[in-house]
Amino acid sequence: LEAETKLQSNYTKMLQAQLAEKQKRAARQLPLPQPMSTYS
C-alpha cells in the first residue's frame, strides 16, 4: 500500500512533467528559415 501511494505520487509528478514538456515543445514550433521543400 505504501508503494502504491508512492507510485501514484510519481505518476502525478510524471504527468506534470509531461504536460510541461508538451508545452515546451509546442513553443519551439517557430517558422523555419527555408521553405519546407528545402528539407526533402
PDB file of all heavy atoms in Angstrom:
ATOM      1  N   LEU A   1       0.826  -1.202   0.000  1.00  0.00           N
ATOM      2  CA  LEU A   1       0.000   0.000   0.000  1.00  0.00           C
ATOM      3  C   LEU A   1       0.865   1.259   0.000  1.00  0.00           C
ATOM      4  O   LEU A   1       0.554   2.243  -0.679  1.00  0.00           O
ATOM      5  CB  LEU A   1      -0.932  -0.012   1.217  1.00  0.00           C
ATOM      6  CG  LEU A   1      -1.984  -1.132   1.225  1.00  0.00           C
ATOM      7  CD1 LEU A   1      -2.746  -1.137   2.536  1.00  0.00           C
ATOM      8  CD2 LEU A   1      -2.943  -0.981   0.049  1.00  0.00           C
ATOM      9  N   GLU A   2       1.951   1.201   0.740  1.00  0.00           N
ATOM     10  CA  GLU A   2       2.883   2.329   0.759  1.00  0.00           C
ATOM     11  C   GLU A   2       3.512   2.540  -0.621  1.00  0.00           C
ATOM     12  O   GLU A   2       3.654   3.681  -1.091  1.00  0.00           O
ATOM     13  CB  GLU A   2       3.974   2.069   1.803  1.00  0.00           C
ATOM     14  CG  GLU A   2       4.983   3.188   1.939  1.00  0.00           C
ATOM     15  CD  GLU A   2       6.064   2.868   2.967  1.00  0.00           C
ATOM     16  OE1 GLU A   2       5.866   1.959   3.790  1.00  0.00           O
ATOM     17  OE2 GLU A   2       7.121   3.536   2.930  1.00  0.00           O
ATOM     18  N   ALA A   3       3.866   1.424  -1.283  1.00  0.00           N
ATOM     19  CA  ALA A   3       4.462   1.506  -2.625  1.00  0.00           C
ATOM     20  C   ALA A   3       3.453   2.046  -3.635  1.00  0.00           C
ATOM     21  O   ALA A   3       3.815   2.808  -4.544  1.00  0.00           O
ATOM     22  CB  ALA A   3       4.955   0.134  -3.053  1.00  0.00           C
ATOM     23  N   GLU A   4       2.181   1.680  -3.484  1.00  0.00           N
ATOM     24  CA  GLU A   4       1.150   2.188  -4.391  1.00  0.00           C
ATOM     25  C   GLU A   4       0.988   3.697  -4.240  1.00  0.00           C
ATOM     26  O   GLU A   4       0.828   4.419  -5.224  1.00  0.00           O
ATOM     27  CB  GLU A   4      -0.185   1.487  -4.124  1.00  0.00           C
ATOM     28  CG  GLU A   4      -0.243   0.060  -4.639  1.00  0.00           C
ATOM     29  CD  GLU A   4      -1.633  -0.543  -4.515  1.00  0.00           C
ATOM     30  OE1 GLU A   4      -2.553   0.174  -4.041  1.00  0.00           O
ATOM     31  OE2 GLU A   4      -1.802  -1.709  -4.895  1.00  0.00           O
ATOM     32  N   THR A   5       1.048   4.176  -2.985  1.00  0.00           N
ATOM     33  CA  THR A   5       0.943   5.612  -2.734  1.00  0.00           C
ATOM     34  C   THR A   5       2.106   6.352  -3.395  1.00  0.00           C
ATOM     35  O   THR A   5       1.925   7.401  -4.029  1.00  0.00           O
ATOM     36  CB  THR A   5       0.934   5.896  -1.222  1.00  0.00           C
ATOM     37  OG1 THR A   5      -0.181   5.237  -0.626  1.00  0.00           O
ATOM     38  CG2 THR A   5       0.850   7.389  -0.948  1.00  0.00           C
ATOM     39  N   LYS A   6       3.305   5.782  -3.266  1.00  0.00           N
ATOM     40  CA  LYS A   6       4.487   6.386  -3.876  1.00  0.00           C
ATOM     41  C   LYS A   6       4.383   6.348  -5.398  1.00  0.00           C
ATOM     42  O   LYS A   6       4.742   7.324  -6.080  1.00  0.00           O
ATOM     43  CB  LYS A   6       5.741   5.654  -3.417  1.00  0.00           C
ATOM     44  CG  LYS A   6       7.039   6.273  -3.911  1.00  0.00           C
ATOM     45  CD  LYS A   6       8.247   5.536  -3.357  1.00  0.00           C
ATOM     46  CE  LYS A   6       9.540   6.177  -3.865  1.00  0.00           C
ATOM     47  NZ  LYS A   6      10.740   5.455  -3.323  1.00  0.00           N
ATOM     48  N   LEU A   7       3.881   5.234  -5.932  1.00  0.00           N
ATOM     49  CA  LEU A   7       3.728   5.101  -7.379  1.00  0.00           C
ATOM     50  C   LEU A   7       2.729   6.128  -7.912  1.00  0.00           C
ATOM     51  O   LEU A   7       2.951   6.745  -8.959  1.00  0.00           O
ATOM     52  CB  LEU A   7       3.266   3.678  -7.711  1.00  0.00           C
ATOM     53  CG  LEU A   7       3.438   3.188  -9.148  1.00  0.00           C
ATOM     54  CD1 LEU A   7       4.900   3.192  -9.567  1.00  0.00           C
ATOM     55  CD2 LEU A   7       2.867   1.777  -9.281  1.00  0.00           C
ATOM     56  N   GLN A   8       1.625   6.326  -7.166  1.00  0.00           N
ATOM     57  CA  GLN A   8       0.627   7.307  -7.565  1.00  0.00           C
ATOM     58  C   GLN A   8       1.203   8.721  -7.539  1.00  0.00           C
ATOM     59  O   GLN A   8       0.953   9.540  -8.433  1.00  0.00           O
ATOM     60  CB  GLN A   8      -0.582   7.226  -6.629  1.00  0.00           C
ATOM     61  CG  GLN A   8      -1.725   8.161  -7.000  1.00  0.00           C
ATOM     62  CD  GLN A   8      -2.349   7.805  -8.338  1.00  0.00           C
ATOM     63  OE1 GLN A   8      -2.918   6.736  -8.505  1.00  0.00           O
ATOM     64  NE2 GLN A   8      -2.225   8.699  -9.307  1.00  0.00           N
ATOM     65  N   SER A   9       2.036   8.980  -6.522  1.00  0.00           N
ATOM     66  CA  SER A   9       2.692  10.287  -6.428  1.00  0.00           C
ATOM     67  C   SER A   9       3.644  10.502  -7.602  1.00  0.00           C
ATOM     68  O   SER A   9       3.678  11.585  -8.203  1.00  0.00           O
ATOM     69  CB  SER A   9       3.460  10.389  -5.108  1.00  0.00           C
ATOM     70  OG  SER A   9       4.196  11.591  -5.047  1.00  0.00           O
ATOM     71  N   ASN A  10       4.401   9.461  -7.951  1.00  0.00           N
ATOM     72  CA  ASN A  10       5.324   9.555  -9.085  1.00  0.00           C
ATOM     73  C   ASN A  10       4.568   9.751 -10.392  1.00  0.00           C
ATOM     74  O   ASN A  10       5.032  10.467 -11.290  1.00  0.00           O
ATOM     75  CB  ASN A  10       6.198   8.305  -9.164  1.00  0.00           C
ATOM     76  CG  ASN A  10       7.226   8.241  -8.057  1.00  0.00           C
ATOM     77  OD1 ASN A  10       7.561   9.259  -7.452  1.00  0.00           O
ATOM     78  ND2 ASN A  10       7.716   7.052  -7.765  1.00  0.00           N
ATOM     79  N   TYR A  11       3.415   9.112 -10.488  1.00  0.00           N
ATOM     80  CA  TYR A  11       2.581   9.266 -11.681  1.00  0.00           C
ATOM     81  C   TYR A  11       2.139  10.721 -11.832  1.00  0.00           C
ATOM     82  O   TYR A  11       2.194  11.294 -12.934  1.00  0.00           O
ATOM     83  CB  TYR A  11       1.358   8.351 -11.582  1.00  0.00           C
ATOM     84  CG  TYR A  11       0.370   8.520 -12.718  1.00  0.00           C
ATOM     85  CD1 TYR A  11       0.541   7.847 -13.922  1.00  0.00           C
ATOM     86  CD2 TYR A  11      -0.735   9.364 -12.583  1.00  0.00           C
ATOM     87  CE1 TYR A  11      -0.359   8.006 -14.968  1.00  0.00           C
ATOM     88  CE2 TYR A  11      -1.638   9.530 -13.625  1.00  0.00           C
ATOM     89  CZ  TYR A  11      -1.448   8.849 -14.815  1.00  0.00           C
ATOM     90  OH  TYR A  11      -2.337   9.015 -15.841  1.00  0.00           O
ATOM     91  N   THR A  12       1.705  11.318 -10.724  1.00  0.00           N
ATOM     92  CA  THR A  12       1.259  12.714 -10.754  1.00  0.00           C
ATOM     93  C   THR A  12       2.398  13.641 -11.164  1.00  0.00           C
ATOM     94  O   THR A  12       2.226  14.542 -11.998  1.00  0.00           O
ATOM     95  CB  THR A  12       0.722  13.129  -9.375  1.00  0.00           C
ATOM     96  OG1 THR A  12      -0.361  12.268  -9.011  1.00  0.00           O
ATOM     97  CG2 THR A  12       0.225  14.570  -9.399  1.00  0.00           C
ATOM     98  N   LYS A  13       3.596  13.403 -10.616  1.00  0.00           N
ATOM     99  CA  LYS A  13       4.766  14.214 -10.966  1.00  0.00           C
ATOM    100  C   LYS A  13       5.135  14.016 -12.430  1.00  0.00           C
ATOM    101  O   LYS A  13       5.473  14.982 -13.132  1.00  0.00           O
ATOM    102  CB  LYS A  13       5.946  13.839 -10.071  1.00  0.00           C
ATOM    103  CG  LYS A  13       5.776  14.219  -8.612  1.00  0.00           C
ATOM    104  CD  LYS A  13       6.966  13.736  -7.788  1.00  0.00           C
ATOM    105  CE  LYS A  13       6.773  14.059  -6.310  1.00  0.00           C
ATOM    106  NZ  LYS A  13       7.892  13.509  -5.488  1.00  0.00           N
ATOM    107  N   MET A  14       5.061  12.769 -12.879  1.00  0.00           N
ATOM    108  CA  MET A  14       5.377  12.473 -14.278  1.00  0.00           C
ATOM    109  C   MET A  14       4.382  13.162 -15.205  1.00  0.00           C
ATOM    110  O   MET A  14       4.758  13.728 -16.231  1.00  0.00           O
ATOM    111  CB  MET A  14       5.357  10.959 -14.492  1.00  0.00           C
ATOM    112  CG  MET A  14       5.689  10.497 -15.906  1.00  0.00           C
ATOM    113  SD  MET A  14       4.271  10.527 -17.044  1.00  0.00           S
ATOM    114  CE  MET A  14       3.090   9.527 -16.149  1.00  0.00           C
ATOM    115  N   LEU A  15       3.105  13.147 -14.822  1.00  0.00           N
ATOM    116  CA  LEU A  15       2.068  13.775 -15.632  1.00  0.00           C
ATOM    117  C   LEU A  15       2.321  15.278 -15.748  1.00  0.00           C
ATOM    118  O   LEU A  15       2.226  15.855 -16.838  1.00  0.00           O
ATOM    119  CB  LEU A  15       0.701  13.512 -15.013  1.00  0.00           C
ATOM    120  CG  LEU A  15      -0.527  13.971 -15.806  1.00  0.00           C
ATOM    121  CD1 LEU A  15      -0.584  13.284 -17.158  1.00  0.00           C
ATOM    122  CD2 LEU A  15      -1.796  13.717 -15.022  1.00  0.00           C
ATOM    123  N   GLN A  16       2.696  15.896 -14.647  1.00  0.00           N
ATOM    124  CA  GLN A  16       3.004  17.330 -14.657  1.00  0.00           C
ATOM    125  C   GLN A  16       4.217  17.618 -15.533  1.00  0.00           C
ATOM    126  O   GLN A  16       4.230  18.589 -16.300  1.00  0.00           O
ATOM    127  CB  GLN A  16       3.247  17.811 -13.226  1.00  0.00           C
ATOM    128  CG  GLN A  16       2.006  17.768 -12.338  1.00  0.00           C
ATOM    129  CD  GLN A  16       2.308  18.033 -10.873  1.00  0.00           C
ATOM    130  OE1 GLN A  16       3.464  17.975 -10.439  1.00  0.00           O
ATOM    131  NE2 GLN A  16       1.274  18.318 -10.100  1.00  0.00           N
ATOM    132  N   ALA A  17       5.233  16.760 -15.418  1.00  0.00           N
ATOM    133  CA  ALA A  17       6.445  16.935 -16.225  1.00  0.00           C
ATOM    134  C   ALA A  17       6.147  16.748 -17.713  1.00  0.00           C
ATOM    135  O   ALA A  17       6.667  17.484 -18.563  1.00  0.00           O
ATOM    136  CB  ALA A  17       7.521  15.951 -15.764  1.00  0.00           C
ATOM    137  N   GLN A  18       5.302  15.764 -18.033  1.00  0.00           N
ATOM    138  CA  GLN A  18       4.942  15.510 -19.431  1.00  0.00           C
ATOM    139  C   GLN A  18       4.173  16.693 -20.024  1.00  0.00           C
ATOM    140  O   GLN A  18       4.429  17.104 -21.161  1.00  0.00           O
ATOM    141  CB  GLN A  18       4.091  14.237 -19.515  1.00  0.00           C
ATOM    142  CG  GLN A  18       4.867  12.952 -19.341  1.00  0.00           C
ATOM    143  CD  GLN A  18       5.190  12.297 -20.677  1.00  0.00           C
ATOM    144  OE1 GLN A  18       4.751  12.745 -21.717  1.00  0.00           O
ATOM    145  NE2 GLN A  18       5.977  11.251 -20.633  1.00  0.00           N
ATOM    146  N   LEU A  19       3.254  17.239 -19.258  1.00  0.00           N
ATOM    147  CA  LEU A  19       2.476  18.380 -19.750  1.00  0.00           C
ATOM    148  C   LEU A  19       3.375  19.596 -19.947  1.00  0.00           C
ATOM    149  O   LEU A  19       3.229  20.345 -20.925  1.00  0.00           O
ATOM    150  CB  LEU A  19       1.341  18.693 -18.770  1.00  0.00           C
ATOM    151  CG  LEU A  19       0.186  17.678 -18.761  1.00  0.00           C
ATOM    152  CD1 LEU A  19      -0.770  17.975 -17.609  1.00  0.00           C
ATOM    153  CD2 LEU A  19      -0.564  17.693 -20.084  1.00  0.00           C
ATOM    154  N   ALA A  20       4.328  19.791 -19.017  1.00  0.00           N
ATOM    155  CA  ALA A  20       5.275  20.892 -19.145  1.00  0.00           C
ATOM    156  C   ALA A  20       6.145  20.705 -20.384  1.00  0.00           C
ATOM    157  O   ALA A  20       6.417  21.663 -21.123  1.00  0.00           O
ATOM    158  CB  ALA A  20       6.138  20.989 -17.889  1.00  0.00           C
ATOM    159  N   GLU A  21       6.577  19.473 -20.633  1.00  0.00           N
ATOM    160  CA  GLU A  21       7.392  19.166 -21.809  1.00  0.00           C
ATOM    161  C   GLU A  21       6.586  19.383 -23.089  1.00  0.00           C
ATOM    162  O   GLU A  21       7.109  19.896 -24.091  1.00  0.00           O
ATOM    163  CB  GLU A  21       7.885  17.724 -21.733  1.00  0.00           C
ATOM    164  CG  GLU A  21       8.650  17.227 -22.955  1.00  0.00           C
ATOM    165  CD  GLU A  21       9.995  17.925 -23.159  1.00  0.00           C
ATOM    166  OE1 GLU A  21      10.464  18.616 -22.233  1.00  0.00           O
ATOM    167  OE2 GLU A  21      10.568  17.776 -24.251  1.00  0.00           O
ATOM    168  N   LYS A  22       5.320  19.015 -23.042  1.00  0.00           N
ATOM    169  CA  LYS A  22       4.457  19.192 -24.204  1.00  0.00           C
ATOM    170  C   LYS A  22       4.332  20.676 -24.555  1.00  0.00           C
ATOM    171  O   LYS A  22       4.393  21.068 -25.730  1.00  0.00           O
ATOM    172  CB  LYS A  22       3.078  18.596 -23.933  1.00  0.00           C
ATOM    173  CG  LYS A  22       2.172  18.491 -25.142  1.00  0.00           C
ATOM    174  CD  LYS A  22       0.887  17.754 -24.794  1.00  0.00           C
ATOM    175  CE  LYS A  22       0.014  17.573 -26.024  1.00  0.00           C
ATOM    176  NZ  LYS A  22      -1.234  16.822 -25.706  1.00  0.00           N
ATOM    177  N   GLN A  23       4.173  21.504 -23.525  1.00  0.00           N
ATOM    178  CA  GLN A  23       4.076  22.947 -23.741  1.00  0.00           C
ATOM    179  C   GLN A  23       5.398  23.516 -24.250  1.00  0.00           C
ATOM    180  O   GLN A  23       5.419  24.380 -25.137  1.00  0.00           O
ATOM    181  CB  GLN A  23       3.664  23.628 -22.438  1.00  0.00           C
ATOM    182  CG  GLN A  23       2.255  23.292 -21.989  1.00  0.00           C
ATOM    183  CD  GLN A  23       1.940  23.815 -20.596  1.00  0.00           C
ATOM    184  OE1 GLN A  23       2.805  24.360 -19.922  1.00  0.00           O
ATOM    185  NE2 GLN A  23       0.701  23.624 -20.161  1.00  0.00           N
ATOM    186  N   LYS A  24       6.497  23.016 -23.696  1.00  0.00           N
ATOM    187  CA  LYS A  24       7.818  23.466 -24.107  1.00  0.00           C
ATOM    188  C   LYS A  24       8.066  23.133 -25.573  1.00  0.00           C
ATOM    189  O   LYS A  24       8.588  23.971 -26.339  1.00  0.00           O
ATOM    190  CB  LYS A  24       8.874  22.801 -23.223  1.00  0.00           C
ATOM    191  CG  LYS A  24      10.297  23.232 -23.483  1.00  0.00           C
ATOM    192  CD  LYS A  24      11.243  22.521 -22.516  1.00  0.00           C
ATOM    193  CE  LYS A  24      12.697  22.896 -22.780  1.00  0.00           C
ATOM    194  NZ  LYS A  24      13.608  22.182 -21.830  1.00  0.00           N
ATOM    195  N   ARG A  25       7.672  21.924 -25.974  1.00  0.00           N
ATOM    196  CA  ARG A  25       7.886  21.520 -27.353  1.00  0.00           C
ATOM    197  C   ARG A  25       6.980  22.298 -28.307  1.00  0.00           C
ATOM    198  O   ARG A  25       7.347  22.620 -29.435  1.00  0.00           O
ATOM    199  CB  ARG A  25       7.680  20.007 -27.479  1.00  0.00           C
ATOM    200  CG  ARG A  25       8.839  19.232 -26.871  1.00  0.00           C
ATOM    201  CD  ARG A  25       8.536  17.771 -26.618  1.00  0.00           C
ATOM    202  NE  ARG A  25       8.256  17.008 -27.822  1.00  0.00           N
ATOM    203  CZ  ARG A  25       8.141  15.680 -27.834  1.00  0.00           C
ATOM    204  NH1 ARG A  25       8.324  14.985 -26.709  1.00  0.00           N
ATOM    205  NH2 ARG A  25       7.877  15.052 -28.953  1.00  0.00           N
ATOM    206  N   ALA A  26       5.773  22.633 -27.836  1.00  0.00           N
ATOM    207  CA  ALA A  26       4.861  23.419 -28.665  1.00  0.00           C
ATOM    208  C   ALA A  26       5.432  24.814 -28.916  1.00  0.00           C
ATOM    209  O   ALA A  26       5.270  25.378 -30.012  1.00  0.00           O
ATOM    210  CB  ALA A  26       3.493  23.523 -28.000  1.00  0.00           C
ATOM    211  N   ALA A  27       6.115  25.351 -27.907  1.00  0.00           N
ATOM    212  CA  ALA A  27       6.684  26.691 -28.036  1.00  0.00           C
ATOM    213  C   ALA A  27       7.846  26.734 -29.025  1.00  0.00           C
ATOM    214  O   ALA A  27       8.221  27.807 -29.501  1.00  0.00           O
ATOM    215  CB  ALA A  27       7.148  27.192 -26.670  1.00  0.00           C
ATOM    216  N   ARG A  28       8.430  25.567 -29.343  1.00  0.00           N
ATOM    217  CA  ARG A  28       9.548  25.518 -30.293  1.00  0.00           C
ATOM    218  C   ARG A  28       9.100  25.581 -31.747  1.00  0.00           C
ATOM    219  O   ARG A  28       9.924  25.731 -32.652  1.00  0.00           O
ATOM    220  CB  ARG A  28      10.335  24.214 -30.105  1.00  0.00           C
ATOM    221  CG  ARG A  28      11.062  24.082 -28.786  1.00  0.00           C
ATOM    222  CD  ARG A  28      11.696  22.711 -28.733  1.00  0.00           C
ATOM    223  NE  ARG A  28      12.318  22.415 -27.460  1.00  0.00           N
ATOM    224  CZ  ARG A  28      12.438  21.188 -26.941  1.00  0.00           C
ATOM    225  NH1 ARG A  28      11.965  20.144 -27.625  1.00  0.00           N
ATOM    226  NH2 ARG A  28      13.018  21.010 -25.784  1.00  0.00           N
ATOM    227  N   GLN A  29       7.812  25.450 -31.989  1.00  0.00           N
ATOM    228  CA  GLN A  29       7.325  25.349 -33.365  1.00  0.00           C
ATOM    229  C   GLN A  29       7.289  26.724 -34.029  1.00  0.00           C
ATOM    230  O   GLN A  29       6.233  27.321 -34.256  1.00  0.00           O
ATOM    231  CB  GLN A  29       5.965  24.664 -33.391  1.00  0.00           C
ATOM    232  CG  GLN A  29       5.922  23.319 -32.672  1.00  0.00           C
ATOM    233  CD  GLN A  29       7.065  22.410 -33.087  1.00  0.00           C
ATOM    234  OE1 GLN A  29       7.189  22.034 -34.237  1.00  0.00           O
ATOM    235  NE2 GLN A  29       7.914  22.034 -32.125  1.00  0.00           N
ATOM    236  N   LEU A  30       8.483  27.236 -34.316  1.00  0.00           N
ATOM    237  CA  LEU A  30       8.643  28.551 -34.925  1.00  0.00           C
ATOM    238  C   LEU A  30       8.848  28.411 -36.441  1.00  0.00           C
ATOM    239  O   LEU A  30       9.225  27.346 -36.924  1.00  0.00           O
ATOM    240  CB  LEU A  30       9.843  29.260 -34.292  1.00  0.00           C
ATOM    241  CG  LEU A  30       9.753  29.483 -32.771  1.00  0.00           C
ATOM    242  CD1 LEU A  30      11.060  30.067 -32.253  1.00  0.00           C
ATOM    243  CD2 LEU A  30       8.572  30.381 -32.419  1.00  0.00           C
ATOM    244  N   PRO A  31       8.626  29.495 -37.179  1.00  0.00           N
ATOM    245  CA  PRO A  31       8.820  29.430 -38.639  1.00  0.00           C
ATOM    246  C   PRO A  31      10.262  29.090 -38.996  1.00  0.00           C
ATOM    247  O   PRO A  31      11.213  29.582 -38.372  1.00  0.00           O
ATOM    248  CB  PRO A  31       8.469  30.857 -39.094  1.00  0.00           C
ATOM    249  CG  PRO A  31       7.571  31.381 -38.023  1.00  0.00           C
ATOM    250  CD  PRO A  31       8.065  30.782 -36.751  1.00  0.00           C
ATOM    251  N   LEU A  32      10.407  28.256 -39.987  1.00  0.00           N
ATOM    252  CA  LEU A  32      11.741  27.845 -40.441  1.00  0.00           C
ATOM    253  C   LEU A  32      12.315  28.873 -41.405  1.00  0.00           C
ATOM    254  O   LEU A  32      11.560  29.563 -42.111  1.00  0.00           O
ATOM    255  CB  LEU A  32      11.652  26.475 -41.119  1.00  0.00           C
ATOM    256  CG  LEU A  32      11.311  25.311 -40.177  1.00  0.00           C
ATOM    257  CD1 LEU A  32      10.681  24.166 -40.956  1.00  0.00           C
ATOM    258  CD2 LEU A  32      12.546  24.847 -39.434  1.00  0.00           C
ATOM    259  N   PRO A  33      13.655  28.969 -41.467  1.00  0.00           N
ATOM    260  CA  PRO A  33      14.265  29.964 -42.354  1.00  0.00           C
ATOM    261  C   PRO A  33      14.179  29.615 -43.834  1.00  0.00           C
ATOM    262  O   PRO A  33      14.469  30.458 -44.682  1.00  0.00           O
ATOM    263  CB  PRO A  33      15.722  29.986 -41.876  1.00  0.00           C
ATOM    264  CG  PRO A  33      15.952  28.662 -41.243  1.00  0.00           C
ATOM    265  CD  PRO A  33      14.640  28.275 -40.632  1.00  0.00           C
ATOM    266  N   GLN A  34      13.806  28.378 -44.145  1.00  0.00           N
ATOM    267  CA  GLN A  34      13.706  27.936 -45.544  1.00  0.00           C
ATOM    268  C   GLN A  34      12.335  27.310 -45.781  1.00  0.00           C
ATOM    269  O   GLN A  34      11.678  26.824 -44.852  1.00  0.00           O
ATOM    270  CB  GLN A  34      14.794  26.888 -45.848  1.00  0.00           C
ATOM    271  CG  GLN A  34      16.220  27.373 -45.674  1.00  0.00           C
ATOM    272  CD  GLN A  34      16.693  28.193 -46.861  1.00  0.00           C
ATOM    273  OE1 GLN A  34      16.008  28.280 -47.887  1.00  0.00           O
ATOM    274  NE2 GLN A  34      17.859  28.815 -46.742  1.00  0.00           N
ATOM    275  N   PRO A  35      11.843  27.314 -47.010  1.00  0.00           N
ATOM    276  CA  PRO A  35      10.592  26.599 -47.309  1.00  0.00           C
ATOM    277  C   PRO A  35      10.723  25.118 -46.942  1.00  0.00           C
ATOM    278  O   PRO A  35      11.825  24.551 -47.015  1.00  0.00           O
ATOM    279  CB  PRO A  35      10.434  26.786 -48.822  1.00  0.00           C
ATOM    280  CG  PRO A  35      11.280  27.960 -49.161  1.00  0.00           C
ATOM    281  CD  PRO A  35      12.426  27.946 -48.208  1.00  0.00           C
ATOM    282  N   MET A  36       9.640  24.461 -46.585  1.00  0.00           N
ATOM    283  CA  MET A  36       9.682  23.056 -46.181  1.00  0.00           C
ATOM    284  C   MET A  36      10.272  22.168 -47.273  1.00  0.00           C
ATOM    285  O   MET A  36      10.946  21.176 -46.992  1.00  0.00           O
ATOM    286  CB  MET A  36       8.273  22.567 -45.826  1.00  0.00           C
ATOM    287  CG  MET A  36       7.791  23.014 -44.451  1.00  0.00           C
ATOM    288  SD  MET A  36       8.842  22.452 -43.083  1.00  0.00           S
ATOM    289  CE  MET A  36       8.568  20.694 -43.135  1.00  0.00           C
ATOM    290  N   SER A  37      10.041  22.551 -48.528  1.00  0.00           N
ATOM    291  CA  SER A  37      10.555  21.735 -49.632  1.00  0.00           C
ATOM    292  C   SER A  37      12.081  21.646 -49.619  1.00  0.00           C
ATOM    293  O   SER A  37      12.656  20.700 -50.158  1.00  0.00           O
ATOM    294  CB  SER A  37      10.085  22.316 -50.974  1.00  0.00           C
ATOM    295  OG  SER A  37      10.515  23.671 -51.111  1.00  0.00           O
ATOM    296  N   THR A  38      12.739  22.602 -48.950  1.00  0.00           N
ATOM    297  CA  THR A  38      14.201  22.596 -48.857  1.00  0.00           C
ATOM    298  C   THR A  38      14.707  21.343 -48.155  1.00  0.00           C
ATOM    299  O   THR A  38      15.802  20.846 -48.444  1.00  0.00           O
ATOM    300  CB  THR A  38      14.693  23.844 -48.081  1.00  0.00           C
ATOM    301  OG1 THR A  38      14.179  25.012 -48.706  1.00  0.00           O
ATOM    302  CG2 THR A  38      16.207  23.905 -48.016  1.00  0.00           C
ATOM    303  N   TYR A  39      13.895  20.829 -47.245  1.00  0.00           N
ATOM    304  CA  TYR A  39      14.347  19.740 -46.373  1.00  0.00           C
ATOM    305  C   TYR A  39      14.014  18.340 -46.898  1.00  0.00           C
ATOM    306  O   TYR A  39      14.304  17.345 -46.244  1.00  0.00           O
ATOM    307  CB  TYR A  39      13.753  19.931 -44.965  1.00  0.00           C
ATOM    308  CG  TYR A  39      14.068  21.299 -44.391  1.00  0.00           C
ATOM    309  CD1 TYR A  39      13.078  22.280 -44.315  1.00  0.00           C
ATOM    310  CD2 TYR A  39      15.349  21.615 -43.979  1.00  0.00           C
ATOM    311  CE1 TYR A  39      13.362  23.547 -43.809  1.00  0.00           C
ATOM    312  CE2 TYR A  39      15.656  22.874 -43.470  1.00  0.00           C
ATOM    313  CZ  TYR A  39      14.655  23.833 -43.386  1.00  0.00           C
ATOM    314  OH  TYR A  39      14.952  25.089 -42.895  1.00  0.00           O
ATOM    315  N   SER A  40      13.416  18.278 -48.065  1.00  0.00           N
ATOM    316  CA  SER A  40      13.104  16.964 -48.635  1.00  0.00           C
ATOM    317  C   SER A  40      14.327  16.415 -49.364  1.00  0.00           C
ATOM    318  O   SER A  40      15.245  17.144 -49.719  1.00  0.00           O
ATOM    319  CB  SER A  40      11.920  17.059 -49.591  1.00  0.00           C
ATOM    320  OG  SER A  40      12.266  17.849 -50.709  1.00  0.00           O
TER     321      SER A  40
END
